[in-house]
Amino acid sequence: MAKHKAPTQVTILREEKSLMQAWVDRYWKTFAALAVALTAVLLYRTWSAEQARAQVGAEWAPLDAAVREGDREQLSALRVANAGTSLGDWAAFAEGQAALAAGDSAKAAAAFSALEGSQDPVLGKLALPLGPDGAEQTIAQHLAGSSAAQAAWEAANPILDNPATAPDAPKVILETDKGEIELTLYTDKAPIHAQNYIKLAKEGFFDGTLFHRVVRTPGMWIVQGGDPNSKEGEPSTWGQGGPGYDQTPEQNGLIHARGYLSAAAPGAGARSSGSQFFLTLGSCHFLDTKHTVFGKITGGMDIAEAIGNGEIRPAEGALRDIPVEPIKILRTRVEGA
C-alpha cells in the first residue's frame, strides 16, 4: 500500500504594518477633519478679505464719482458726512482742488481747512519740505496755509475783478431746465455785444439752444451756448452756427474773472461770434484781450455751476467737451431794455 506523505504545513506570515501606516490608520479621521477645517478657514479668510475690499470700494465709490464729475456740492457733502476719516480728508482735498481749478480760492481755503488735524497717512502724516525756507510741513498744513494766504491776497486786491455794472443796466434772464440765470450787461463798456445780445434774446433766438460745451480744466471752467445748430443738429456741427454774421471785438479792459459773460470767437478769434457766448465759472485770465467780456452773472450762479459740473462725454477725435446731458435754454426774458 502506498504511503501518503504527511501534509505540508503552510505558515502564512502576516505583514507587520509600519508605524506610519498604523498611525495613519488610527488618526485618518482626525487628519480629514483638520483638512476640512483648514480649508474652511482659508476660504473664510479669502471671503472676508474680498468682502472687506468690496466694502472699502463701496464706501469710496461716491467720492470717485464726484471727482470724475467735478461735483463740488457732492464733494462738500462727502467731506462733512465723513469728517475725521480718510474718506472725509480726501473729499476735502478733492473739493479744494476743484475750487482752485475754478479760481475760487476762498472756497478752496474753506475746504482745505478741514484737513487740519488729519490723521491720513499721506495727507496728515507725511512731512515734506513745503514750508518757508524748506521747513517740513504735512500736505494738509501746506494746502490749508497756502490757500488761506491766496484767498486773503485776492480779497485785498480787488483789481482782479471787473467794475460793477451800471445801476440801470439791462438784464437778460436765461430760463433753463436747471433754473434761471440772470445776466446784467455792460452796455456802456461793450455796446456792440450787449445790444446784439439783447436783440437776439428779444427775438427768441436762444430759445431751444443748448449749453453745448463744458470745459473744466485747471485754469479754465466755462459753459458755452448760443449755437442754433444745437437745437437739432448733430454734435459734430455744434459750435459752428450763428445768426449769419459776426461782430467786431471790443477791447474794453474787462477781464475773465469768475462769473462773467463773454463772446465766443470762431476760428482764430479775429472776430466775435454773432451769437455764441460763454459763462466763466472760474478765472480764465489767459482769455483776456482775446474775447470780449460784455456781461456779469448777477443771479443763478449756482445754476451755472450745476451746468458746469455736468458729466462730459469722453473725447472722440475732434468731438470733445460735450456734455452727456446738455442743459437747454427754454426761453429768455429781457428786463430794462
C-alpha atoms as a PDB file:
ATOM      1  CA  MET A   1       0.000   0.000   0.000  1.00  0.00           C
ATOM      2  CA  ALA A   2       1.388   3.255  -0.975  1.00  0.00           C
ATOM      3  CA  LYS A   3       2.399   5.543   1.781  1.00  0.00           C
ATOM      4  CA  HIS A   4       0.989   9.032   1.852  1.00  0.00           C
ATOM      5  CA  LYS A   5       3.160  11.926   2.731  1.00  0.00           C
ATOM      6  CA  ALA A   6       2.100  13.941   5.663  1.00  0.00           C
ATOM      7  CA  PRO A   7       0.534  17.145   4.606  1.00  0.00           C
ATOM      8  CA  THR A   8       2.998  20.027   4.379  1.00  0.00           C
ATOM      9  CA  GLN A   9       2.314  22.634   6.974  1.00  0.00           C
ATOM     10  CA  VAL A  10       1.970  26.034   5.419  1.00  0.00           C
ATOM     11  CA  THR A  11       2.579  29.011   7.579  1.00  0.00           C
ATOM     12  CA  ILE A  12       1.034  32.307   6.450  1.00  0.00           C
ATOM     13  CA  LEU A  13       3.043  35.240   7.673  1.00  0.00           C
ATOM     14  CA  ARG A  14       1.106  38.433   8.383  1.00  0.00           C
ATOM     15  CA  GLU A  15       2.897  41.536   7.183  1.00  0.00           C
ATOM     16  CA  GLU A  16       3.555  43.877  10.045  1.00  0.00           C
ATOM     17  CA  LYS A  17       2.316  47.454   9.468  1.00  0.00           C
ATOM     18  CA  SER A  18       4.811  50.215   9.681  1.00  0.00           C
ATOM     19  CA  LEU A  19       4.455  52.647  12.486  1.00  0.00           C
ATOM     20  CA  MET A  20       3.466  55.354   9.997  1.00  0.00           C
ATOM     21  CA  GLN A  21       0.747  53.220   8.468  1.00  0.00           C
ATOM     22  CA  ALA A  22      -0.597  52.294  11.850  1.00  0.00           C
ATOM     23  CA  TRP A  23      -0.606  55.958  12.843  1.00  0.00           C
ATOM     24  CA  VAL A  24      -2.432  56.933   9.664  1.00  0.00           C
ATOM     25  CA  ASP A  25      -5.000  54.172  10.120  1.00  0.00           C
ATOM     26  CA  ARG A  26      -5.654  55.339  13.602  1.00  0.00           C
ATOM     27  CA  TYR A  27      -5.834  59.054  13.001  1.00  0.00           C
ATOM     28  CA  TRP A  28      -7.053  59.468   9.381  1.00  0.00           C
ATOM     29  CA  LYS A  29     -10.386  60.811  10.505  1.00  0.00           C
ATOM     30  CA  THR A  30      -8.613  63.440  12.532  1.00  0.00           C
ATOM     31  CA  PHE A  31      -6.483  64.383   9.518  1.00  0.00           C
ATOM     32  CA  ALA A  32      -9.582  64.654   7.343  1.00  0.00           C
ATOM     33  CA  ALA A  33     -11.329  66.817   9.891  1.00  0.00           C
ATOM     34  CA  LEU A  34      -8.276  69.084  10.183  1.00  0.00           C
ATOM     35  CA  ALA A  35      -8.032  69.371   6.392  1.00  0.00           C
ATOM     36  CA  VAL A  36     -11.681  70.337   6.133  1.00  0.00           C
ATOM     37  CA  ALA A  37     -11.288  72.837   8.966  1.00  0.00           C
ATOM     38  CA  LEU A  38      -8.146  74.349   7.418  1.00  0.00           C
ATOM     39  CA  THR A  39      -9.839  74.633   4.032  1.00  0.00           C
ATOM     40  CA  ALA A  40     -12.814  76.302   5.669  1.00  0.00           C
ATOM     41  CA  VAL A  41     -10.547  78.759   7.475  1.00  0.00           C
ATOM     42  CA  LEU A  42      -8.694  79.636   4.267  1.00  0.00           C
ATOM     43  CA  LEU A  43     -11.928  80.060   2.344  1.00  0.00           C
ATOM     44  CA  TYR A  44     -13.376  82.213   5.103  1.00  0.00           C
ATOM     45  CA  ARG A  45     -10.291  84.411   5.250  1.00  0.00           C
ATOM     46  CA  THR A  46     -10.330  84.815   1.457  1.00  0.00           C
ATOM     47  CA  TRP A  47     -14.037  85.646   1.513  1.00  0.00           C
ATOM     48  CA  SER A  48     -13.540  88.093   4.388  1.00  0.00           C
ATOM     49  CA  ALA A  49     -10.729  89.859   2.531  1.00  0.00           C
ATOM     50  CA  GLU A  50     -12.854  90.132  -0.604  1.00  0.00           C
ATOM     51  CA  GLN A  51     -15.779  91.438   1.406  1.00  0.00           C
ATOM     52  CA  ALA A  52     -13.538  93.998   3.085  1.00  0.00           C
ATOM     53  CA  ARG A  53     -12.205  95.153  -0.277  1.00  0.00           C
ATOM     54  CA  ALA A  54     -15.738  95.345  -1.651  1.00  0.00           C
ATOM     55  CA  GLN A  55     -16.859  97.332   1.383  1.00  0.00           C
ATOM     56  CA  VAL A  56     -13.964  99.770   1.027  1.00  0.00           C
ATOM     57  CA  GLY A  57     -14.732 100.093  -2.672  1.00  0.00           C
ATOM     58  CA  ALA A  58     -18.392 100.753  -1.947  1.00  0.00           C
ATOM     59  CA  GLU A  59     -17.534 103.421   0.630  1.00  0.00           C
ATOM     60  CA  TRP A  60     -15.161 105.247  -1.716  1.00  0.00           C
ATOM     61  CA  ALA A  61     -17.250 104.875  -4.875  1.00  0.00           C
ATOM     62  CA  PRO A  62     -19.255 108.101  -4.270  1.00  0.00           C
ATOM     63  CA  LEU A  63     -16.010 110.058  -3.915  1.00  0.00           C
ATOM     64  CA  ASP A  64     -14.682 108.594  -7.158  1.00  0.00           C
ATOM     65  CA  ALA A  65     -17.905 109.525  -8.946  1.00  0.00           C
ATOM     66  CA  ALA A  66     -17.914 113.066  -7.527  1.00  0.00           C
ATOM     67  CA  VAL A  67     -14.293 113.614  -8.592  1.00  0.00           C
ATOM     68  CA  ARG A  68     -14.974 112.315 -12.092  1.00  0.00           C
ATOM     69  CA  GLU A  69     -17.995 114.604 -12.476  1.00  0.00           C
ATOM     70  CA  GLY A  70     -16.381 117.581 -10.759  1.00  0.00           C
ATOM     71  CA  ASP A  71     -19.401 117.811  -8.466  1.00  0.00           C
ATOM     72  CA  ARG A  72     -18.278 120.263  -5.797  1.00  0.00           C
ATOM     73  CA  GLU A  73     -21.566 120.064  -3.913  1.00  0.00           C
ATOM     74  CA  GLN A  74     -21.266 116.288  -3.580  1.00  0.00           C
ATOM     75  CA  LEU A  75     -17.620 116.591  -2.546  1.00  0.00           C
ATOM     76  CA  SER A  76     -18.624 119.054   0.153  1.00  0.00           C
ATOM     77  CA  ALA A  77     -21.370 116.713   1.372  1.00  0.00           C
ATOM     78  CA  LEU A  78     -18.929 113.784   1.494  1.00  0.00           C
ATOM     79  CA  ARG A  79     -16.415 115.900   3.423  1.00  0.00           C
ATOM     80  CA  VAL A  80     -18.975 116.818   6.050  1.00  0.00           C
ATOM     81  CA  ALA A  81     -20.532 113.357   6.320  1.00  0.00           C
ATOM     82  CA  ASN A  82     -17.146 111.639   6.700  1.00  0.00           C
ATOM     83  CA  ALA A  83     -15.332 114.182   8.875  1.00  0.00           C
ATOM     84  CA  GLY A  84     -12.427 112.713  10.804  1.00  0.00           C
ATOM     85  CA  THR A  85     -11.874 109.804   8.400  1.00  0.00           C
ATOM     86  CA  SER A  86      -9.513 109.305   5.482  1.00  0.00           C
ATOM     87  CA  LEU A  87     -12.504 109.392   3.153  1.00  0.00           C
ATOM     88  CA  GLY A  88     -13.546 112.766   4.547  1.00  0.00           C
ATOM     89  CA  ASP A  89      -9.983 114.092   4.255  1.00  0.00           C
ATOM     90  CA  TRP A  90      -9.667 113.058   0.618  1.00  0.00           C
ATOM     91  CA  ALA A  91     -13.102 114.534  -0.113  1.00  0.00           C
ATOM     92  CA  ALA A  92     -11.838 117.836   1.361  1.00  0.00           C
ATOM     93  CA  PHE A  93      -8.702 117.569  -0.749  1.00  0.00           C
ATOM     94  CA  ALA A  94     -10.722 116.961  -3.937  1.00  0.00           C
ATOM     95  CA  GLU A  95     -13.159 119.755  -3.097  1.00  0.00           C
ATOM     96  CA  GLY A  96     -10.301 122.194  -2.540  1.00  0.00           C
ATOM     97  CA  GLN A  97      -8.619 121.177  -5.780  1.00  0.00           C
ATOM     98  CA  ALA A  98     -11.872 121.648  -7.709  1.00  0.00           C
ATOM     99  CA  ALA A  99     -12.333 125.083  -6.166  1.00  0.00           C
ATOM    100  CA  LEU A 100      -8.781 126.081  -7.109  1.00  0.00           C
ATOM    101  CA  ALA A 101      -9.392 124.911 -10.679  1.00  0.00           C
ATOM    102  CA  ALA A 102     -12.459 127.165 -10.707  1.00  0.00           C
ATOM    103  CA  GLY A 103     -10.418 130.100  -9.420  1.00  0.00           C
ATOM    104  CA  ASP A 104     -12.344 130.195  -6.142  1.00  0.00           C
ATOM    105  CA  SER A 105      -9.554 130.412  -3.591  1.00  0.00           C
ATOM    106  CA  ALA A 106     -11.923 131.311  -0.725  1.00  0.00           C
ATOM    107  CA  LYS A 107     -13.855 128.052  -1.097  1.00  0.00           C
ATOM    108  CA  ALA A 108     -10.599 126.176  -1.585  1.00  0.00           C
ATOM    109  CA  ALA A 109      -9.316 127.571   1.707  1.00  0.00           C
ATOM    110  CA  ALA A 110     -12.535 126.558   3.473  1.00  0.00           C
ATOM    111  CA  ALA A 111     -12.253 123.016   2.134  1.00  0.00           C
ATOM    112  CA  PHE A 112      -8.557 122.625   2.924  1.00  0.00           C
ATOM    113  CA  SER A 113      -9.073 123.956   6.453  1.00  0.00           C
ATOM    114  CA  ALA A 114     -10.966 120.720   7.156  1.00  0.00           C
ATOM    115  CA  LEU A 115      -7.660 118.876   6.700  1.00  0.00           C
ATOM    116  CA  GLU A 116      -6.116 120.420   9.799  1.00  0.00           C
ATOM    117  CA  GLY A 117      -5.501 117.633  12.278  1.00  0.00           C
ATOM    118  CA  SER A 118      -5.847 114.993   9.544  1.00  0.00           C
ATOM    119  CA  GLN A 119      -4.639 111.530  10.555  1.00  0.00           C
ATOM    120  CA  ASP A 120      -4.470 110.237   6.993  1.00  0.00           C
ATOM    121  CA  PRO A 121      -1.058 108.614   6.336  1.00  0.00           C
ATOM    122  CA  VAL A 122      -0.473 110.717   3.213  1.00  0.00           C
ATOM    123  CA  LEU A 123      -2.305 113.990   3.817  1.00  0.00           C
ATOM    124  CA  GLY A 124      -1.803 114.344   7.543  1.00  0.00           C
ATOM    125  CA  LYS A 125       1.301 112.356   8.418  1.00  0.00           C
ATOM    126  CA  LEU A 126       3.751 112.649   5.525  1.00  0.00           C
ATOM    127  CA  ALA A 127       6.073 115.606   6.177  1.00  0.00           C
ATOM    128  CA  LEU A 128       7.747 117.263   3.187  1.00  0.00           C
ATOM    129  CA  PRO A 129       9.908 120.411   2.758  1.00  0.00           C
ATOM    130  CA  LEU A 130       6.908 122.512   1.676  1.00  0.00           C
ATOM    131  CA  GLY A 131       7.125 125.366   4.176  1.00  0.00           C
ATOM    132  CA  PRO A 132       9.132 128.615   4.169  1.00  0.00           C
ATOM    133  CA  ASP A 133      12.859 128.013   3.649  1.00  0.00           C
ATOM    134  CA  GLY A 134      12.185 124.326   3.139  1.00  0.00           C
ATOM    135  CA  ALA A 135      10.605 123.772   6.543  1.00  0.00           C
ATOM    136  CA  GLU A 136       8.786 120.480   6.836  1.00  0.00           C
ATOM    137  CA  GLN A 137       5.026 120.553   6.611  1.00  0.00           C
ATOM    138  CA  THR A 138       2.387 117.961   6.024  1.00  0.00           C
ATOM    139  CA  ILE A 139       0.405 118.221   2.806  1.00  0.00           C
ATOM    140  CA  ALA A 140      -2.653 119.183   4.872  1.00  0.00           C
ATOM    141  CA  GLN A 141      -0.792 122.031   6.582  1.00  0.00           C
ATOM    142  CA  HIS A 142       0.621 123.303   3.307  1.00  0.00           C
ATOM    143  CA  LEU A 143      -2.701 123.282   1.466  1.00  0.00           C
ATOM    144  CA  ALA A 144      -4.583 124.977   4.313  1.00  0.00           C
ATOM    145  CA  GLY A 145      -1.938 127.682   4.773  1.00  0.00           C
ATOM    146  CA  SER A 146      -1.261 128.466   1.114  1.00  0.00           C
ATOM    147  CA  SER A 147      -4.925 128.589   0.084  1.00  0.00           C
ATOM    148  CA  ALA A 148      -5.808 130.835   3.025  1.00  0.00           C
ATOM    149  CA  ALA A 149      -2.956 133.178   2.082  1.00  0.00           C
ATOM    150  CA  GLN A 150      -4.119 133.228  -1.554  1.00  0.00           C
ATOM    151  CA  ALA A 151      -7.703 133.998  -0.539  1.00  0.00           C
ATOM    152  CA  ALA A 152      -6.541 136.822   1.733  1.00  0.00           C
ATOM    153  CA  TRP A 153      -4.358 138.300  -1.014  1.00  0.00           C
ATOM    154  CA  GLU A 154      -7.175 138.221  -3.570  1.00  0.00           C
ATOM    155  CA  ALA A 155      -9.581 139.838  -1.100  1.00  0.00           C
ATOM    156  CA  ALA A 156      -7.057 142.640  -0.558  1.00  0.00           C
ATOM    157  CA  ASN A 157      -6.514 143.102  -4.299  1.00  0.00           C
ATOM    158  CA  PRO A 158      -9.922 143.599  -5.961  1.00  0.00           C
ATOM    159  CA  ILE A 159      -8.155 144.713  -9.118  1.00  0.00           C
ATOM    160  CA  LEU A 160      -8.543 141.073 -10.170  1.00  0.00           C
ATOM    161  CA  ASP A 161     -12.255 141.723 -10.717  1.00  0.00           C
ATOM    162  CA  ASN A 162     -14.249 143.963 -13.028  1.00  0.00           C
ATOM    163  CA  PRO A 163     -16.065 147.148 -12.087  1.00  0.00           C
ATOM    164  CA  ALA A 164     -19.741 146.881 -11.242  1.00  0.00           C
ATOM    165  CA  THR A 165     -22.313 147.138 -13.990  1.00  0.00           C
ATOM    166  CA  ALA A 166     -24.303 150.363 -14.241  1.00  0.00           C
ATOM    167  CA  PRO A 167     -27.258 150.596 -11.805  1.00  0.00           C
ATOM    168  CA  ASP A 168     -29.732 150.860 -14.709  1.00  0.00           C
ATOM    169  CA  ALA A 169     -28.030 148.250 -16.903  1.00  0.00           C
ATOM    170  CA  PRO A 170     -30.416 145.908 -18.759  1.00  0.00           C
ATOM    171  CA  LYS A 171     -30.681 142.256 -17.808  1.00  0.00           C
ATOM    172  CA  VAL A 172     -31.222 139.092 -19.811  1.00  0.00           C
ATOM    173  CA  ILE A 173     -32.658 136.132 -17.926  1.00  0.00           C
ATOM    174  CA  LEU A 174     -31.972 132.675 -19.327  1.00  0.00           C
ATOM    175  CA  GLU A 175     -34.678 130.231 -18.285  1.00  0.00           C
ATOM    176  CA  THR A 176     -33.057 126.787 -18.451  1.00  0.00           C
ATOM    177  CA  ASP A 177     -34.271 123.338 -17.472  1.00  0.00           C
ATOM    178  CA  LYS A 178     -31.950 123.651 -14.458  1.00  0.00           C
ATOM    179  CA  GLY A 179     -33.246 127.041 -13.335  1.00  0.00           C
ATOM    180  CA  GLU A 180     -32.768 130.736 -14.173  1.00  0.00           C
ATOM    181  CA  ILE A 181     -29.510 132.607 -14.802  1.00  0.00           C
ATOM    182  CA  GLU A 182     -29.593 136.404 -14.670  1.00  0.00           C
ATOM    183  CA  LEU A 183     -27.072 138.310 -16.791  1.00  0.00           C
ATOM    184  CA  THR A 184     -26.538 142.056 -16.379  1.00  0.00           C
ATOM    185  CA  LEU A 185     -24.956 143.636 -19.456  1.00  0.00           C
ATOM    186  CA  TYR A 186     -22.161 146.203 -19.814  1.00  0.00           C
ATOM    187  CA  THR A 187     -23.962 148.365 -22.344  1.00  0.00           C
ATOM    188  CA  ASP A 188     -21.514 151.161 -21.527  1.00  0.00           C
ATOM    189  CA  LYS A 189     -18.294 149.161 -21.997  1.00  0.00           C
ATOM    190  CA  ALA A 190     -19.367 146.685 -24.698  1.00  0.00           C
ATOM    191  CA  PRO A 191     -22.294 148.317 -26.525  1.00  0.00           C
ATOM    192  CA  ILE A 192     -21.941 146.260 -29.739  1.00  0.00           C
ATOM    193  CA  HIS A 193     -22.049 142.896 -27.993  1.00  0.00           C
ATOM    194  CA  ALA A 194     -24.584 143.905 -25.346  1.00  0.00           C
ATOM    195  CA  GLN A 195     -27.105 145.355 -27.786  1.00  0.00           C
ATOM    196  CA  ASN A 196     -26.727 142.388 -30.121  1.00  0.00           C
ATOM    197  CA  TYR A 197     -27.352 140.000 -27.216  1.00  0.00           C
ATOM    198  CA  ILE A 198     -30.487 141.930 -26.217  1.00  0.00           C
ATOM    199  CA  LYS A 199     -31.727 141.875 -29.822  1.00  0.00           C
ATOM    200  CA  LEU A 200     -31.285 138.104 -30.158  1.00  0.00           C
ATOM    201  CA  ALA A 201     -32.879 137.458 -26.755  1.00  0.00           C
ATOM    202  CA  LYS A 202     -35.955 139.535 -27.672  1.00  0.00           C
ATOM    203  CA  GLU A 203     -36.284 137.612 -30.939  1.00  0.00           C
ATOM    204  CA  GLY A 204     -36.200 134.294 -29.097  1.00  0.00           C
ATOM    205  CA  PHE A 205     -33.034 133.299 -30.958  1.00  0.00           C
ATOM    206  CA  PHE A 206     -31.615 131.419 -27.941  1.00  0.00           C
ATOM    207  CA  ASP A 207     -34.828 129.529 -27.144  1.00  0.00           C
ATOM    208  CA  GLY A 208     -34.262 125.798 -27.516  1.00  0.00           C
ATOM    209  CA  THR A 209     -30.481 126.049 -27.824  1.00  0.00           C
ATOM    210  CA  LEU A 210     -28.188 124.017 -25.588  1.00  0.00           C
ATOM    211  CA  PHE A 211     -25.189 124.714 -23.439  1.00  0.00           C
ATOM    212  CA  HIS A 212     -23.317 122.543 -25.883  1.00  0.00           C
ATOM    213  CA  ARG A 213     -19.816 122.841 -24.462  1.00  0.00           C
ATOM    214  CA  VAL A 214     -18.383 122.454 -20.949  1.00  0.00           C
ATOM    215  CA  VAL A 215     -14.666 122.986 -20.355  1.00  0.00           C
ATOM    216  CA  ARG A 216     -13.497 122.016 -16.897  1.00  0.00           C
ATOM    217  CA  THR A 217      -9.717 122.016 -16.667  1.00  0.00           C
ATOM    218  CA  PRO A 218      -7.196 123.752 -14.379  1.00  0.00           C
ATOM    219  CA  GLY A 219      -7.298 127.442 -15.286  1.00  0.00           C
ATOM    220  CA  MET A 220     -10.454 127.207 -17.387  1.00  0.00           C
ATOM    221  CA  TRP A 221     -14.007 126.446 -16.310  1.00  0.00           C
ATOM    222  CA  ILE A 222     -16.673 127.645 -18.714  1.00  0.00           C
ATOM    223  CA  VAL A 223     -20.030 126.668 -20.196  1.00  0.00           C
ATOM    224  CA  GLN A 224     -20.794 127.726 -23.759  1.00  0.00           C
ATOM    225  CA  GLY A 225     -24.090 128.198 -25.576  1.00  0.00           C
ATOM    226  CA  GLY A 226     -25.877 130.273 -28.188  1.00  0.00           C
ATOM    227  CA  ASP A 227     -25.419 127.995 -31.208  1.00  0.00           C
ATOM    228  CA  PRO A 228     -28.616 127.419 -33.247  1.00  0.00           C
ATOM    229  CA  ASN A 229     -27.081 124.170 -34.557  1.00  0.00           C
ATOM    230  CA  SER A 230     -27.521 122.701 -31.084  1.00  0.00           C
ATOM    231  CA  LYS A 231     -31.318 122.794 -31.422  1.00  0.00           C
ATOM    232  CA  GLU A 232     -31.479 119.831 -33.782  1.00  0.00           C
ATOM    233  CA  GLY A 233     -28.082 119.407 -35.430  1.00  0.00           C
ATOM    234  CA  GLU A 234     -25.579 116.644 -34.795  1.00  0.00           C
ATOM    235  CA  PRO A 235     -22.937 117.256 -32.103  1.00  0.00           C
ATOM    236  CA  SER A 236     -20.310 117.386 -34.858  1.00  0.00           C
ATOM    237  CA  THR A 237     -21.893 120.684 -36.003  1.00  0.00           C
ATOM    238  CA  TRP A 238     -22.169 122.267 -32.560  1.00  0.00           C
ATOM    239  CA  GLY A 239     -20.021 125.339 -32.151  1.00  0.00           C
ATOM    240  CA  GLN A 240     -20.177 126.209 -35.849  1.00  0.00           C
ATOM    241  CA  GLY A 241     -23.517 128.006 -36.057  1.00  0.00           C
ATOM    242  CA  GLY A 242     -24.632 131.589 -35.671  1.00  0.00           C
ATOM    243  CA  PRO A 243     -27.100 134.221 -36.894  1.00  0.00           C
ATOM    244  CA  GLY A 244     -25.267 134.699 -40.208  1.00  0.00           C
ATOM    245  CA  TYR A 245     -22.912 137.470 -39.108  1.00  0.00           C
ATOM    246  CA  ASP A 246     -20.076 138.039 -36.661  1.00  0.00           C
ATOM    247  CA  GLN A 247     -19.112 141.035 -34.531  1.00  0.00           C
ATOM    248  CA  THR A 248     -16.242 143.433 -34.067  1.00  0.00           C
ATOM    249  CA  PRO A 249     -14.354 142.668 -30.813  1.00  0.00           C
ATOM    250  CA  GLU A 250     -14.396 145.424 -28.178  1.00  0.00           C
ATOM    251  CA  GLN A 251     -11.207 145.959 -26.191  1.00  0.00           C
ATOM    252  CA  ASN A 252     -12.754 147.373 -23.037  1.00  0.00           C
ATOM    253  CA  GLY A 253     -10.346 146.282 -20.303  1.00  0.00           C
ATOM    254  CA  LEU A 254     -12.816 143.824 -18.761  1.00  0.00           C
ATOM    255  CA  ILE A 255     -11.219 140.573 -17.642  1.00  0.00           C
ATOM    256  CA  HIS A 256     -12.323 136.968 -17.443  1.00  0.00           C
ATOM    257  CA  ALA A 257     -12.766 136.675 -13.704  1.00  0.00           C
ATOM    258  CA  ARG A 258     -15.270 134.246 -12.230  1.00  0.00           C
ATOM    259  CA  GLY A 259     -18.929 134.914 -13.022  1.00  0.00           C
ATOM    260  CA  TYR A 260     -18.897 136.795 -16.332  1.00  0.00           C
ATOM    261  CA  LEU A 261     -20.454 136.643 -19.804  1.00  0.00           C
ATOM    262  CA  SER A 262     -18.093 136.698 -22.773  1.00  0.00           C
ATOM    263  CA  ALA A 263     -18.331 136.271 -26.539  1.00  0.00           C
ATOM    264  CA  ALA A 264     -17.068 133.108 -28.176  1.00  0.00           C
ATOM    265  CA  ALA A 265     -14.857 133.518 -31.216  1.00  0.00           C
ATOM    266  CA  PRO A 266     -14.873 131.344 -34.349  1.00  0.00           C
ATOM    267  CA  GLY A 267     -11.645 130.221 -35.948  1.00  0.00           C
ATOM    268  CA  ALA A 268      -8.569 132.079 -34.812  1.00  0.00           C
ATOM    269  CA  GLY A 269     -10.667 134.573 -32.876  1.00  0.00           C
ATOM    270  CA  ALA A 270     -10.135 137.664 -35.032  1.00  0.00           C
ATOM    271  CA  ARG A 271     -13.889 138.327 -34.781  1.00  0.00           C
ATOM    272  CA  SER A 272     -16.548 137.594 -32.168  1.00  0.00           C
ATOM    273  CA  SER A 273     -19.322 135.108 -32.846  1.00  0.00           C
ATOM    274  CA  GLY A 274     -22.642 136.673 -33.729  1.00  0.00           C
ATOM    275  CA  SER A 275     -24.473 134.658 -31.053  1.00  0.00           C
ATOM    276  CA  GLN A 276     -22.289 132.154 -29.226  1.00  0.00           C
ATOM    277  CA  PHE A 277     -21.266 133.101 -25.723  1.00  0.00           C
ATOM    278  CA  PHE A 278     -19.754 131.521 -22.630  1.00  0.00           C
ATOM    279  CA  LEU A 279     -20.056 131.963 -18.880  1.00  0.00           C
ATOM    280  CA  THR A 280     -16.907 131.903 -16.750  1.00  0.00           C
ATOM    281  CA  LEU A 281     -17.289 129.722 -13.675  1.00  0.00           C
ATOM    282  CA  GLY A 282     -13.672 130.236 -12.693  1.00  0.00           C
ATOM    283  CA  SER A 283     -10.907 132.691 -13.515  1.00  0.00           C
ATOM    284  CA  CYS A 284      -9.787 132.318 -17.143  1.00  0.00           C
ATOM    285  CA  HIS A 285      -7.337 135.198 -17.478  1.00  0.00           C
ATOM    286  CA  PHE A 286      -5.483 133.760 -20.451  1.00  0.00           C
ATOM    287  CA  LEU A 287      -8.646 134.659 -22.422  1.00  0.00           C
ATOM    288  CA  ASP A 288      -8.275 138.350 -21.530  1.00  0.00           C
ATOM    289  CA  THR A 289      -7.976 140.586 -24.661  1.00  0.00           C
ATOM    290  CA  LYS A 290      -8.780 137.542 -26.846  1.00  0.00           C
ATOM    291  CA  HIS A 291     -12.527 137.562 -26.136  1.00  0.00           C
ATOM    292  CA  THR A 292     -14.932 140.374 -25.303  1.00  0.00           C
ATOM    293  CA  VAL A 293     -16.496 140.361 -21.822  1.00  0.00           C
ATOM    294  CA  PHE A 294     -19.887 142.074 -22.062  1.00  0.00           C
ATOM    295  CA  GLY A 295     -21.932 140.963 -19.034  1.00  0.00           C
ATOM    296  CA  LYS A 296     -21.910 139.635 -15.498  1.00  0.00           C
ATOM    297  CA  ILE A 297     -23.779 136.790 -13.807  1.00  0.00           C
ATOM    298  CA  THR A 298     -25.879 138.590 -11.190  1.00  0.00           C
ATOM    299  CA  GLY A 299     -28.214 135.735 -10.324  1.00  0.00           C
ATOM    300  CA  GLY A 300     -28.286 131.959 -10.604  1.00  0.00           C
ATOM    301  CA  MET A 301     -24.557 131.363 -10.249  1.00  0.00           C
ATOM    302  CA  ASP A 302     -25.429 128.041  -8.600  1.00  0.00           C
ATOM    303  CA  ILE A 303     -27.395 127.077 -11.722  1.00  0.00           C
ATOM    304  CA  ALA A 304     -24.462 127.966 -13.956  1.00  0.00           C
ATOM    305  CA  GLU A 305     -22.143 125.903 -11.754  1.00  0.00           C
ATOM    306  CA  ALA A 306     -24.551 122.972 -11.858  1.00  0.00           C
ATOM    307  CA  ILE A 307     -24.379 123.103 -15.661  1.00  0.00           C
ATOM    308  CA  GLY A 308     -20.610 123.273 -15.473  1.00  0.00           C
ATOM    309  CA  ASN A 309     -20.499 120.267 -13.151  1.00  0.00           C
ATOM    310  CA  GLY A 310     -22.352 118.027 -15.590  1.00  0.00           C
ATOM    311  CA  GLU A 311     -20.755 114.840 -16.853  1.00  0.00           C
ATOM    312  CA  ILE A 312     -18.706 115.230 -20.043  1.00  0.00           C
ATOM    313  CA  ARG A 313     -18.524 112.666 -22.833  1.00  0.00           C
ATOM    314  CA  PRO A 314     -15.165 111.003 -23.485  1.00  0.00           C
ATOM    315  CA  ALA A 315     -13.358 112.783 -26.302  1.00  0.00           C
ATOM    316  CA  GLU A 316     -13.744 111.232 -29.763  1.00  0.00           C
ATOM    317  CA  GLY A 317     -11.355 112.861 -32.204  1.00  0.00           C
ATOM    318  CA  ALA A 318     -12.442 116.460 -32.735  1.00  0.00           C
ATOM    319  CA  LEU A 319     -15.538 115.935 -30.578  1.00  0.00           C
ATOM    320  CA  ARG A 320     -14.663 116.983 -27.070  1.00  0.00           C
ATOM    321  CA  ASP A 321     -16.075 118.980 -24.135  1.00  0.00           C
ATOM    322  CA  ILE A 322     -19.603 117.803 -24.986  1.00  0.00           C
ATOM    323  CA  PRO A 323     -21.958 117.244 -22.021  1.00  0.00           C
ATOM    324  CA  VAL A 324     -23.614 113.868 -21.665  1.00  0.00           C
ATOM    325  CA  GLU A 325     -26.935 115.617 -20.958  1.00  0.00           C
ATOM    326  CA  PRO A 326     -26.713 119.199 -22.298  1.00  0.00           C
ATOM    327  CA  ILE A 327     -28.853 121.758 -20.492  1.00  0.00           C
ATOM    328  CA  LYS A 328     -31.371 123.615 -22.661  1.00  0.00           C
ATOM    329  CA  ILE A 329     -32.303 127.291 -22.690  1.00  0.00           C
ATOM    330  CA  LEU A 330     -36.093 127.124 -22.691  1.00  0.00           C
ATOM    331  CA  ARG A 331     -36.716 130.833 -23.210  1.00  0.00           C
ATOM    332  CA  THR A 332     -35.217 134.270 -22.496  1.00  0.00           C
ATOM    333  CA  ARG A 333     -36.539 137.443 -20.918  1.00  0.00           C
ATOM    334  CA  VAL A 334     -35.153 140.948 -21.222  1.00  0.00           C
ATOM    335  CA  GLU A 335     -35.591 143.496 -18.446  1.00  0.00           C
ATOM    336  CA  GLY A 336     -34.664 147.167 -18.547  1.00  0.00           C
ATOM    337  CA  ALA A 337     -34.268 147.486 -22.310  1.00  0.00           C
END
